[in-house]
Every structure is written in C-alpha cells, then in structure tokens.
Amino acid sequence: MIEVEGLRKAFSRSGPLTRIRNRHVAPPVEVLRGVDFEVHEADMVALLGANGAGKTTIMKTIATLLLPDAGTVRVLGRDSAKQGKAVRSAVGYVMADERSFHWRLNAVDNLDFFARLDGIPGSERRARINVLLDRLDLLSAGDRVFGQFSTGMKQRLAVARAILKRPRVLLMDEPTRSIDGAHAADVWRLVREEMEEVGGCLVVVTHQIQEALSLCTRALVIADGQVVLNTSTRKMERYAADLDGFTVSVRGLGSTGLSELRCVPGVKDVRVASQVAGEQFLEVWTRDGDLPLAGFIGAVTSLGATVCSLQRATPLQGVVERALAGTEDHPA
C-alpha cells in the first residue's frame, strides 16, 4: 500500500533573503538519506527513532505535504509527487502539531468543513461526525468552540478529522501525546476497527514504546536519515525488559534544564524525545528500579517550568539502542 524507495530530503539552513543575497549560505541539512520500506495491507507499523531522526519528514512526504529531493513514494500505486490529489484522497493524517482547525468554530462545524472538502455527501456528514465524536468522548463538546478545547481534546478531534473520509492509509504522528490513558485506548480501539473495515494500513510515530509494542506488528527504526532496523515488534519486546523510567511533558524548560534534571537523585539520564509548539516531551531513565517522581517534579518546577503530563514508561531510546546492538544488556 505504501512503497518508499531511495527517499532523500534536505532542508536549507539559510533564510530566503540570505539565499537571494548569496551571503553566508550554509549547506543544506540532509534529513533523509535513502529511505526504503514497504507497508502492506493490514500492516500496523511504528516509526521509531531519536528526536530529529526524520520520522515526521517521512510522514509528510507520504502525505504529499513535502516533495522528495530524490527517490519515490507510492501510495496505492500512485506517485505522491506526480499524483498528489489521488494520494491525498486515500490518506488520513494526524499531525503532531495540529494547526489547521478554525479556533472560532465549534467541533461539529470544524469537522463539517473538512468533510465537505473531502467530498462526503451531506446525507452522510452529520451521522459520520456524530459517530466519531461519540466514540472519542467529544459528543457533549460538539457545540464548544475549538479554542476552548484542552490539548487532549484537540488531539482527539484531529484523530476524528483524519478518519472522517475512511482513508485506507492512515498516518499518525504522536497522536496520543497529550491524551490520557483511557481516551488513548478509545483512540486505538477506533483506529483498529476503521482500518479493519476498509482493509487499510497504519503508520504511526510514537515515543511510547509500550504503545508501539501493543498496537503495531512491525517497527522501523530511523537513524542518520535511513532505516537501520526493520523488525517485528515481537522481537523488540525482549529489549524492553528491565528498563525503568517515565515520560514527562514540560513547558518553559530553559537551555540548561536537561543537565540539571540529570542530577536529580535516582535519575540515570534525561533526553528530549520530541518538541512540539513549546512543549518538550522528555524521556527519563531511572536507576535500579527507582521512580523519583516527587523529586523530579520538584526539580522541574524549581527551574520555572511546568509539568503538563507524566506517566511511567519504558525508555524508548533504551529499547532502540539495545535492538541496534543486538543485545539485552543495559545500554552504556
């Protein structure tokens, strides 16, 4: 259903005015360096990798939001660069940083607008919208303007929008990043049913390794702009054993914050898994099974930052490093 072959993409580090004046033009940053993989019908694939590895660039290229510099991307046999309209009609996309909703319209009107763009007949639109809002626990908030939604509610509405037209190819970039566990379960239950009904496939970027292992059948690890590991999630499960930690999203953390948080007693390492709209998603590795939540939260607030969410989780990068090394020993 998806064929990616030799995909390359680079981004300029210089602004357009600098390029026009030809002054101090920095060489472009090559984000993707020959990505190859396929996704078949009924596949549920997780894209894993460190922050900045190129996962979102891959997703945007499949969705036709970016054009490749080299290589090809085909969706249902159609070239994403040459047959963009046909590809977009088959693809639903949940972005990590959703900015396309109209903040002064309510949830129903927002979805109705996108349903019209997708060509859904009027007789079907309202029924489809109501079903999705109900399944995602948003029906009672249907008349509330989008700007009043919490971050988690906005994210759930983005999921509803992506599957409105019943796409056969569903791309989801950190779709449950700000969603609580119960509502995240609702999202994945709905996604599974929708994909089974249309005979579709799913590609998801997630920093929750438990989410990837429980939801997906296959994992692609992206590093240095390439697919460095293509394996089953069952094979990756053994690398998650004995890795302890938690994930936390924070706002307002300064440039020196990470080094100070690494000094919290019981903390082995802290890494930025992703950063979206001023909110950093941190992956915290702990020592010897300790879970220093109170001390860590206190350290975050003492630095003038705010904790948005926190949950116990196996450190994704630890699992990835073990898998790449082919060993079950703890990473250095």
Protein backbone atom coordinates (compact mmCIF):
# COMPACT_ATOMS: atom_id res chain seq x y z
CA MET A 1 0.00 0.00 0.00
CA ILE A 2 2.98 2.28 0.62
CA GLU A 3 6.27 1.95 -1.27
CA VAL A 4 9.18 4.20 -0.31
CA GLU A 5 12.33 3.82 -2.37
CA GLY A 6 15.55 5.84 -2.16
CA LEU A 7 13.80 8.74 -0.43
CA ARG A 8 16.06 11.75 0.14
CA LYS A 9 15.23 15.16 1.58
CA ALA A 10 17.37 18.12 2.61
CA PHE A 11 16.44 21.45 4.17
CA SER A 12 18.26 24.76 3.81
CA ARG A 13 19.67 26.34 6.97
CA SER A 14 19.65 29.80 5.37
CA GLY A 15 16.65 32.10 5.06
CA PRO A 16 15.32 33.16 1.64
CA LEU A 17 16.76 36.68 1.95
CA THR A 18 20.21 35.30 2.72
CA ARG A 19 20.00 32.99 -0.28
CA ILE A 20 18.99 35.88 -2.56
CA ARG A 21 21.93 37.96 -1.36
CA ASN A 22 24.17 34.88 -1.52
CA ARG A 23 25.83 35.76 1.78
CA HIS A 24 27.00 33.14 4.28
CA VAL A 25 24.85 30.44 2.71
CA ALA A 26 25.13 27.34 4.89
CA PRO A 27 25.00 23.94 3.21
CA PRO A 28 21.59 22.23 3.42
CA VAL A 29 20.91 19.69 6.14
CA GLU A 30 20.25 16.25 4.69
CA VAL A 31 17.46 14.76 6.81
CA LEU A 32 16.68 11.65 4.75
CA ARG A 33 19.49 9.79 3.02
CA GLY A 34 17.92 6.98 1.07
CA VAL A 35 14.94 5.61 2.99
CA ASP A 36 13.48 2.32 1.77
CA PHE A 37 10.49 0.39 3.12
CA GLU A 38 7.09 -1.02 2.23
CA VAL A 39 3.79 -1.15 4.10
CA HIS A 40 1.23 -3.77 3.10
CA GLU A 41 -2.50 -4.15 3.65
CA ALA A 42 -3.38 -4.71 7.34
CA ASP A 43 0.13 -3.65 8.41
CA MET A 44 0.41 -1.52 11.54
CA VAL A 45 3.90 -0.05 11.52
CA ALA A 46 5.67 2.06 14.14
CA LEU A 47 8.36 4.55 13.11
CA LEU A 48 10.83 4.82 15.97
CA GLY A 49 13.94 6.89 16.46
CA ALA A 50 15.53 9.79 18.27
CA ASN A 51 14.26 13.36 18.06
CA GLY A 52 15.22 14.79 14.66
CA ALA A 53 15.80 11.39 13.02
CA GLY A 54 13.47 12.26 10.11
CA LYS A 55 10.29 10.42 11.08
CA THR A 56 7.95 13.39 10.59
CA THR A 57 9.65 14.25 7.29
CA ILE A 58 8.88 10.73 6.05
CA MET A 59 5.24 11.09 7.12
CA LYS A 60 4.83 14.48 5.46
CA THR A 61 6.34 13.19 2.24
CA ILE A 62 3.94 10.24 2.13
CA ALA A 63 1.08 12.69 2.77
CA THR A 64 2.32 14.94 -0.12
CA LEU A 65 2.98 17.88 2.23
CA LEU A 66 6.65 17.70 1.19
CA LEU A 67 8.17 16.76 -2.14
CA PRO A 68 11.16 14.41 -2.18
CA ASP A 69 14.50 15.66 -3.47
CA ALA A 70 15.18 12.18 -4.81
CA GLY A 71 13.56 8.77 -4.72
CA THR A 72 9.91 7.85 -4.99
CA VAL A 73 6.91 7.41 -2.72
CA ARG A 74 3.91 5.47 -3.99
CA VAL A 75 0.59 5.16 -2.19
CA LEU A 76 -1.79 2.54 -3.58
CA GLY A 77 0.35 2.55 -6.70
CA ARG A 78 0.19 6.32 -7.21
CA ASP A 79 3.25 8.56 -7.18
CA SER A 80 2.95 11.10 -4.35
CA ALA A 81 4.89 13.76 -6.28
CA LYS A 82 3.03 13.36 -9.59
CA GLN A 83 -0.43 12.26 -8.47
CA GLY A 84 -0.79 14.23 -5.26
CA LYS A 85 -4.55 14.72 -5.43
CA ALA A 86 -5.20 10.99 -5.81
CA VAL A 87 -2.83 10.20 -2.95
CA ARG A 88 -4.41 12.76 -0.63
CA SER A 89 -7.85 11.28 -1.24
CA ALA A 90 -6.62 7.95 0.15
CA VAL A 91 -4.57 9.26 3.09
CA GLY A 92 -5.65 10.45 6.53
CA TYR A 93 -3.02 12.28 8.57
CA VAL A 94 -2.88 13.17 12.26
CA MET A 95 -0.11 15.72 12.77
CA ALA A 96 1.91 16.14 15.95
CA ASP A 97 1.27 19.90 15.89
CA GLU A 98 -2.28 20.45 14.66
CA ARG A 99 -2.87 23.99 13.40
CA SER A 100 -5.47 23.62 10.66
CA PHE A 101 -8.63 23.83 12.78
CA HIS A 102 -10.56 27.09 12.95
CA TRP A 103 -10.36 28.21 16.58
CA ARG A 104 -13.64 30.20 16.49
CA LEU A 105 -15.75 27.37 15.07
CA ASN A 106 -17.16 24.62 17.24
CA ALA A 107 -16.09 20.99 16.89
CA VAL A 108 -19.04 19.95 14.70
CA ASP A 109 -18.59 22.86 12.28
CA ASN A 110 -14.86 22.22 12.05
CA LEU A 111 -15.43 18.59 11.12
CA ASP A 112 -18.24 19.53 8.75
CA PHE A 113 -15.88 21.91 6.93
CA PHE A 114 -13.28 19.18 6.41
CA ALA A 115 -15.93 16.64 5.47
CA ARG A 116 -17.10 18.97 2.71
CA LEU A 117 -13.51 19.33 1.47
CA ASP A 118 -13.27 15.54 1.41
CA GLY A 119 -16.43 15.35 -0.68
CA ILE A 120 -18.53 13.47 1.85
CA PRO A 121 -22.22 13.77 0.83
CA GLY A 122 -24.44 15.89 3.05
CA SER A 123 -26.67 12.96 3.93
CA GLU A 124 -23.68 11.17 5.47
CA ARG A 125 -21.72 14.03 7.00
CA ARG A 126 -23.64 14.67 10.22
CA ALA A 127 -24.13 11.00 11.02
CA ARG A 128 -20.43 10.26 10.49
CA ILE A 129 -19.40 13.26 12.59
CA ASN A 130 -21.70 12.27 15.44
CA VAL A 131 -20.43 8.69 15.47
CA LEU A 132 -16.79 9.81 15.64
CA LEU A 133 -17.43 12.42 18.31
CA ASP A 134 -19.28 9.83 20.36
CA ARG A 135 -16.54 7.21 20.01
CA LEU A 136 -13.89 9.74 21.06
CA ASP A 137 -15.92 11.10 24.01
CA LEU A 138 -16.40 14.51 22.39
CA LEU A 139 -20.12 14.43 21.59
CA SER A 140 -21.09 16.59 24.58
CA ALA A 141 -18.44 19.13 23.50
CA GLY A 142 -19.59 19.26 19.88
CA ASP A 143 -21.02 22.78 20.24
CA ARG A 144 -17.97 24.13 22.07
CA VAL A 145 -15.55 26.29 20.06
CA PHE A 146 -12.24 24.66 19.28
CA GLY A 147 -10.24 27.37 21.07
CA GLN A 148 -11.78 26.26 24.38
CA PHE A 149 -10.67 22.66 23.99
CA SER A 150 -7.91 21.19 26.13
CA THR A 151 -4.80 19.89 24.35
CA GLY A 152 -6.02 16.32 24.67
CA MET A 153 -9.44 17.18 23.26
CA LYS A 154 -7.84 18.93 20.28
CA GLN A 155 -5.74 15.85 19.64
CA ARG A 156 -8.79 13.57 19.72
CA LEU A 157 -10.63 15.88 17.32
CA ALA A 158 -7.61 15.67 14.99
CA VAL A 159 -7.99 11.88 15.01
CA ALA A 160 -11.68 12.26 14.12
CA ARG A 161 -10.83 14.56 11.24
CA ALA A 162 -8.18 12.19 9.86
CA ILE A 163 -10.57 9.23 9.64
CA LEU A 164 -13.67 11.16 8.54
CA LYS A 165 -13.34 10.04 4.92
CA ARG A 166 -12.46 6.44 5.87
CA PRO A 167 -8.93 6.54 4.42
CA ARG A 168 -7.17 3.29 3.51
CA VAL A 169 -3.82 4.73 4.55
CA LEU A 170 -3.67 6.33 8.00
CA LEU A 171 -0.61 8.29 9.17
CA MET A 172 -0.44 9.31 12.82
CA ASP A 173 2.37 11.44 14.26
CA GLU A 174 2.39 11.22 18.09
CA PRO A 175 -1.43 11.03 18.11
CA THR A 176 -1.79 10.32 21.86
CA ARG A 177 0.96 12.64 23.10
CA SER A 178 -1.42 14.72 25.25
CA ILE A 179 -4.21 12.18 25.71
CA ASP A 180 -4.84 10.34 28.98
CA GLY A 181 -4.68 6.55 29.09
CA ALA A 182 -8.42 5.87 28.97
CA HIS A 183 -9.01 8.13 25.96
CA ALA A 184 -5.87 6.79 24.26
CA ALA A 185 -7.39 3.32 24.50
CA ASP A 186 -10.55 4.69 22.84
CA VAL A 187 -8.45 6.14 20.03
CA TRP A 188 -6.64 2.89 19.31
CA ARG A 189 -9.82 0.81 19.51
CA LEU A 190 -11.45 3.08 16.94
CA VAL A 191 -8.38 3.10 14.69
CA ARG A 192 -8.17 -0.69 14.66
CA GLU A 193 -11.84 -1.01 13.73
CA GLU A 194 -11.60 1.62 10.99
CA MET A 195 -8.52 0.02 9.42
CA GLU A 196 -10.08 -3.45 9.50
CA GLU A 197 -13.28 -2.16 7.91
CA VAL A 198 -11.55 -0.58 4.90
CA GLY A 199 -8.67 -3.08 4.59
CA GLY A 200 -6.20 -0.32 5.33
CA CYS A 201 -2.80 0.18 6.92
CA LEU A 202 -1.40 2.36 9.69
CA VAL A 203 1.96 4.10 10.09
CA VAL A 204 2.44 5.73 13.49
CA VAL A 205 5.22 7.80 15.03
CA THR A 206 5.24 7.32 18.79
CA HIS A 207 7.64 7.83 21.67
CA GLN A 208 5.68 5.40 23.85
CA ILE A 209 7.36 2.03 23.35
CA GLN A 210 4.51 0.19 25.11
CA GLU A 211 2.11 1.78 22.62
CA ALA A 212 4.20 0.59 19.68
CA LEU A 213 4.62 -2.93 21.05
CA SER A 214 0.93 -3.42 21.87
CA LEU A 215 -0.53 -1.76 18.77
CA CYS A 216 1.84 -2.49 15.91
CA THR A 217 3.12 -5.63 14.24
CA ARG A 218 6.30 -4.12 12.83
CA ALA A 219 8.80 -1.44 13.83
CA LEU A 220 11.12 0.63 11.65
CA VAL A 221 13.99 2.34 13.46
CA ILE A 222 15.18 5.54 11.77
CA ALA A 223 18.69 6.87 12.41
CA ASP A 224 21.01 9.09 10.36
CA GLY A 225 18.28 9.56 7.78
CA GLN A 226 17.92 5.86 6.99
CA VAL A 227 16.00 2.78 8.09
CA VAL A 228 18.58 1.00 10.23
CA LEU A 229 16.28 -1.71 11.59
CA ASN A 230 13.11 -3.28 10.17
CA THR A 231 11.79 -5.92 12.53
CA SER A 232 8.69 -7.30 14.22
CA THR A 233 7.53 -5.71 17.45
CA ARG A 234 7.54 -9.19 18.98
CA LYS A 235 11.31 -9.33 18.51
CA MET A 236 11.69 -5.91 20.12
CA GLU A 237 9.75 -6.87 23.24
CA ARG A 238 12.73 -8.64 24.83
CA TYR A 239 14.80 -5.46 24.65
CA ALA A 240 12.28 -3.66 26.87
CA ALA A 241 12.90 -5.92 29.87
CA ASP A 242 14.45 -4.30 32.96
CA LEU A 243 14.45 -0.78 31.52
CA ASP A 244 12.80 1.58 34.01
CA GLY A 245 11.72 5.16 33.60
CA PHE A 246 8.92 7.56 32.85
CA THR A 247 7.92 10.16 30.29
CA VAL A 248 7.01 13.73 31.11
CA SER A 249 5.92 16.69 29.00
CA VAL A 250 7.04 20.12 30.21
CA ARG A 251 6.72 23.75 29.18
CA GLY A 252 9.17 26.56 29.85
CA LEU A 253 12.30 24.48 30.45
CA GLY A 254 15.42 26.54 29.85
CA SER A 255 18.50 25.57 27.85
CA THR A 256 20.37 24.31 30.93
CA GLY A 257 17.38 22.43 32.32
CA LEU A 258 18.29 19.00 31.00
CA SER A 259 21.72 18.95 32.63
CA GLU A 260 20.21 19.96 35.97
CA LEU A 261 17.44 17.36 35.75
CA ARG A 262 20.05 14.67 35.12
CA CYS A 263 21.41 15.41 38.59
CA VAL A 264 18.14 14.51 40.35
CA PRO A 265 18.80 11.55 42.68
CA GLY A 266 17.70 8.28 41.07
CA VAL A 267 17.83 9.66 37.51
CA LYS A 268 20.23 8.00 35.07
CA ASP A 269 19.56 10.15 32.01
CA VAL A 270 17.07 12.61 30.52
CA ARG A 271 16.56 13.04 26.79
CA VAL A 272 14.25 15.15 24.63
CA ALA A 273 12.09 12.69 22.70
CA SER A 274 10.20 15.41 20.82
CA GLN A 275 9.29 19.08 20.95
CA VAL A 276 6.01 20.48 19.65
CA ALA A 277 4.72 24.06 19.98
CA GLY A 278 6.86 24.91 23.01
CA GLU A 279 6.11 21.65 24.82
CA GLN A 280 9.01 19.27 25.35
CA PHE A 281 8.41 15.55 25.71
CA LEU A 282 11.15 14.13 27.94
CA GLU A 283 12.20 10.52 28.35
CA VAL A 284 13.64 9.86 31.80
CA TRP A 285 15.77 6.79 32.58
CA THR A 286 15.91 5.79 36.25
CA ARG A 287 18.40 3.76 38.27
CA ASP A 288 17.79 0.34 39.81
CA GLY A 289 14.02 0.48 39.54
CA ASP A 290 13.72 3.78 41.45
CA LEU A 291 10.94 6.12 40.37
CA PRO A 292 11.86 9.56 41.79
CA LEU A 293 8.69 11.29 40.64
CA ALA A 294 8.29 13.77 43.50
CA GLY A 295 11.93 14.85 43.35
CA PHE A 296 11.84 15.18 39.56
CA ILE A 297 8.63 17.24 39.56
CA GLY A 298 10.09 19.47 42.26
CA ALA A 299 13.24 19.97 40.19
CA VAL A 300 11.20 20.90 37.10
CA THR A 301 9.13 23.49 38.97
CA SER A 302 12.23 24.91 40.68
CA LEU A 303 13.60 25.63 37.19
CA GLY A 304 10.49 27.71 36.42
CA ALA A 305 8.96 25.07 34.11
CA THR A 306 5.54 23.43 34.21
CA VAL A 307 4.77 19.71 34.16
CA CYS A 308 1.93 19.05 31.67
CA SER A 309 1.73 15.26 31.97
CA LEU A 310 3.73 12.37 33.41
CA GLN A 311 3.48 8.60 33.24
CA ARG A 312 5.63 5.58 33.90
CA ALA A 313 7.08 4.18 30.68
CA THR A 314 9.96 2.11 29.36
CA PRO A 315 12.56 4.44 27.79
CA LEU A 316 12.15 4.14 24.03
CA GLN A 317 15.74 5.05 23.21
CA GLY A 318 16.99 2.38 25.57
CA VAL A 319 14.99 -0.24 23.69
CA VAL A 320 16.17 1.11 20.32
CA GLU A 321 19.83 1.09 21.38
CA ARG A 322 19.56 -2.47 22.66
CA ALA A 323 17.85 -3.60 19.45
CA LEU A 324 20.51 -1.98 17.26
CA ALA A 325 23.27 -3.55 19.36
CA GLY A 326 21.50 -6.89 19.23
CA THR A 327 21.97 -7.38 22.94
CA GLU A 328 19.79 -7.46 26.01
CA ASP A 329 22.46 -5.80 28.16
CA HIS A 330 21.77 -2.36 29.57
CA PRO A 331 22.94 0.50 27.33
CA ALA A 332 26.05 2.34 28.45
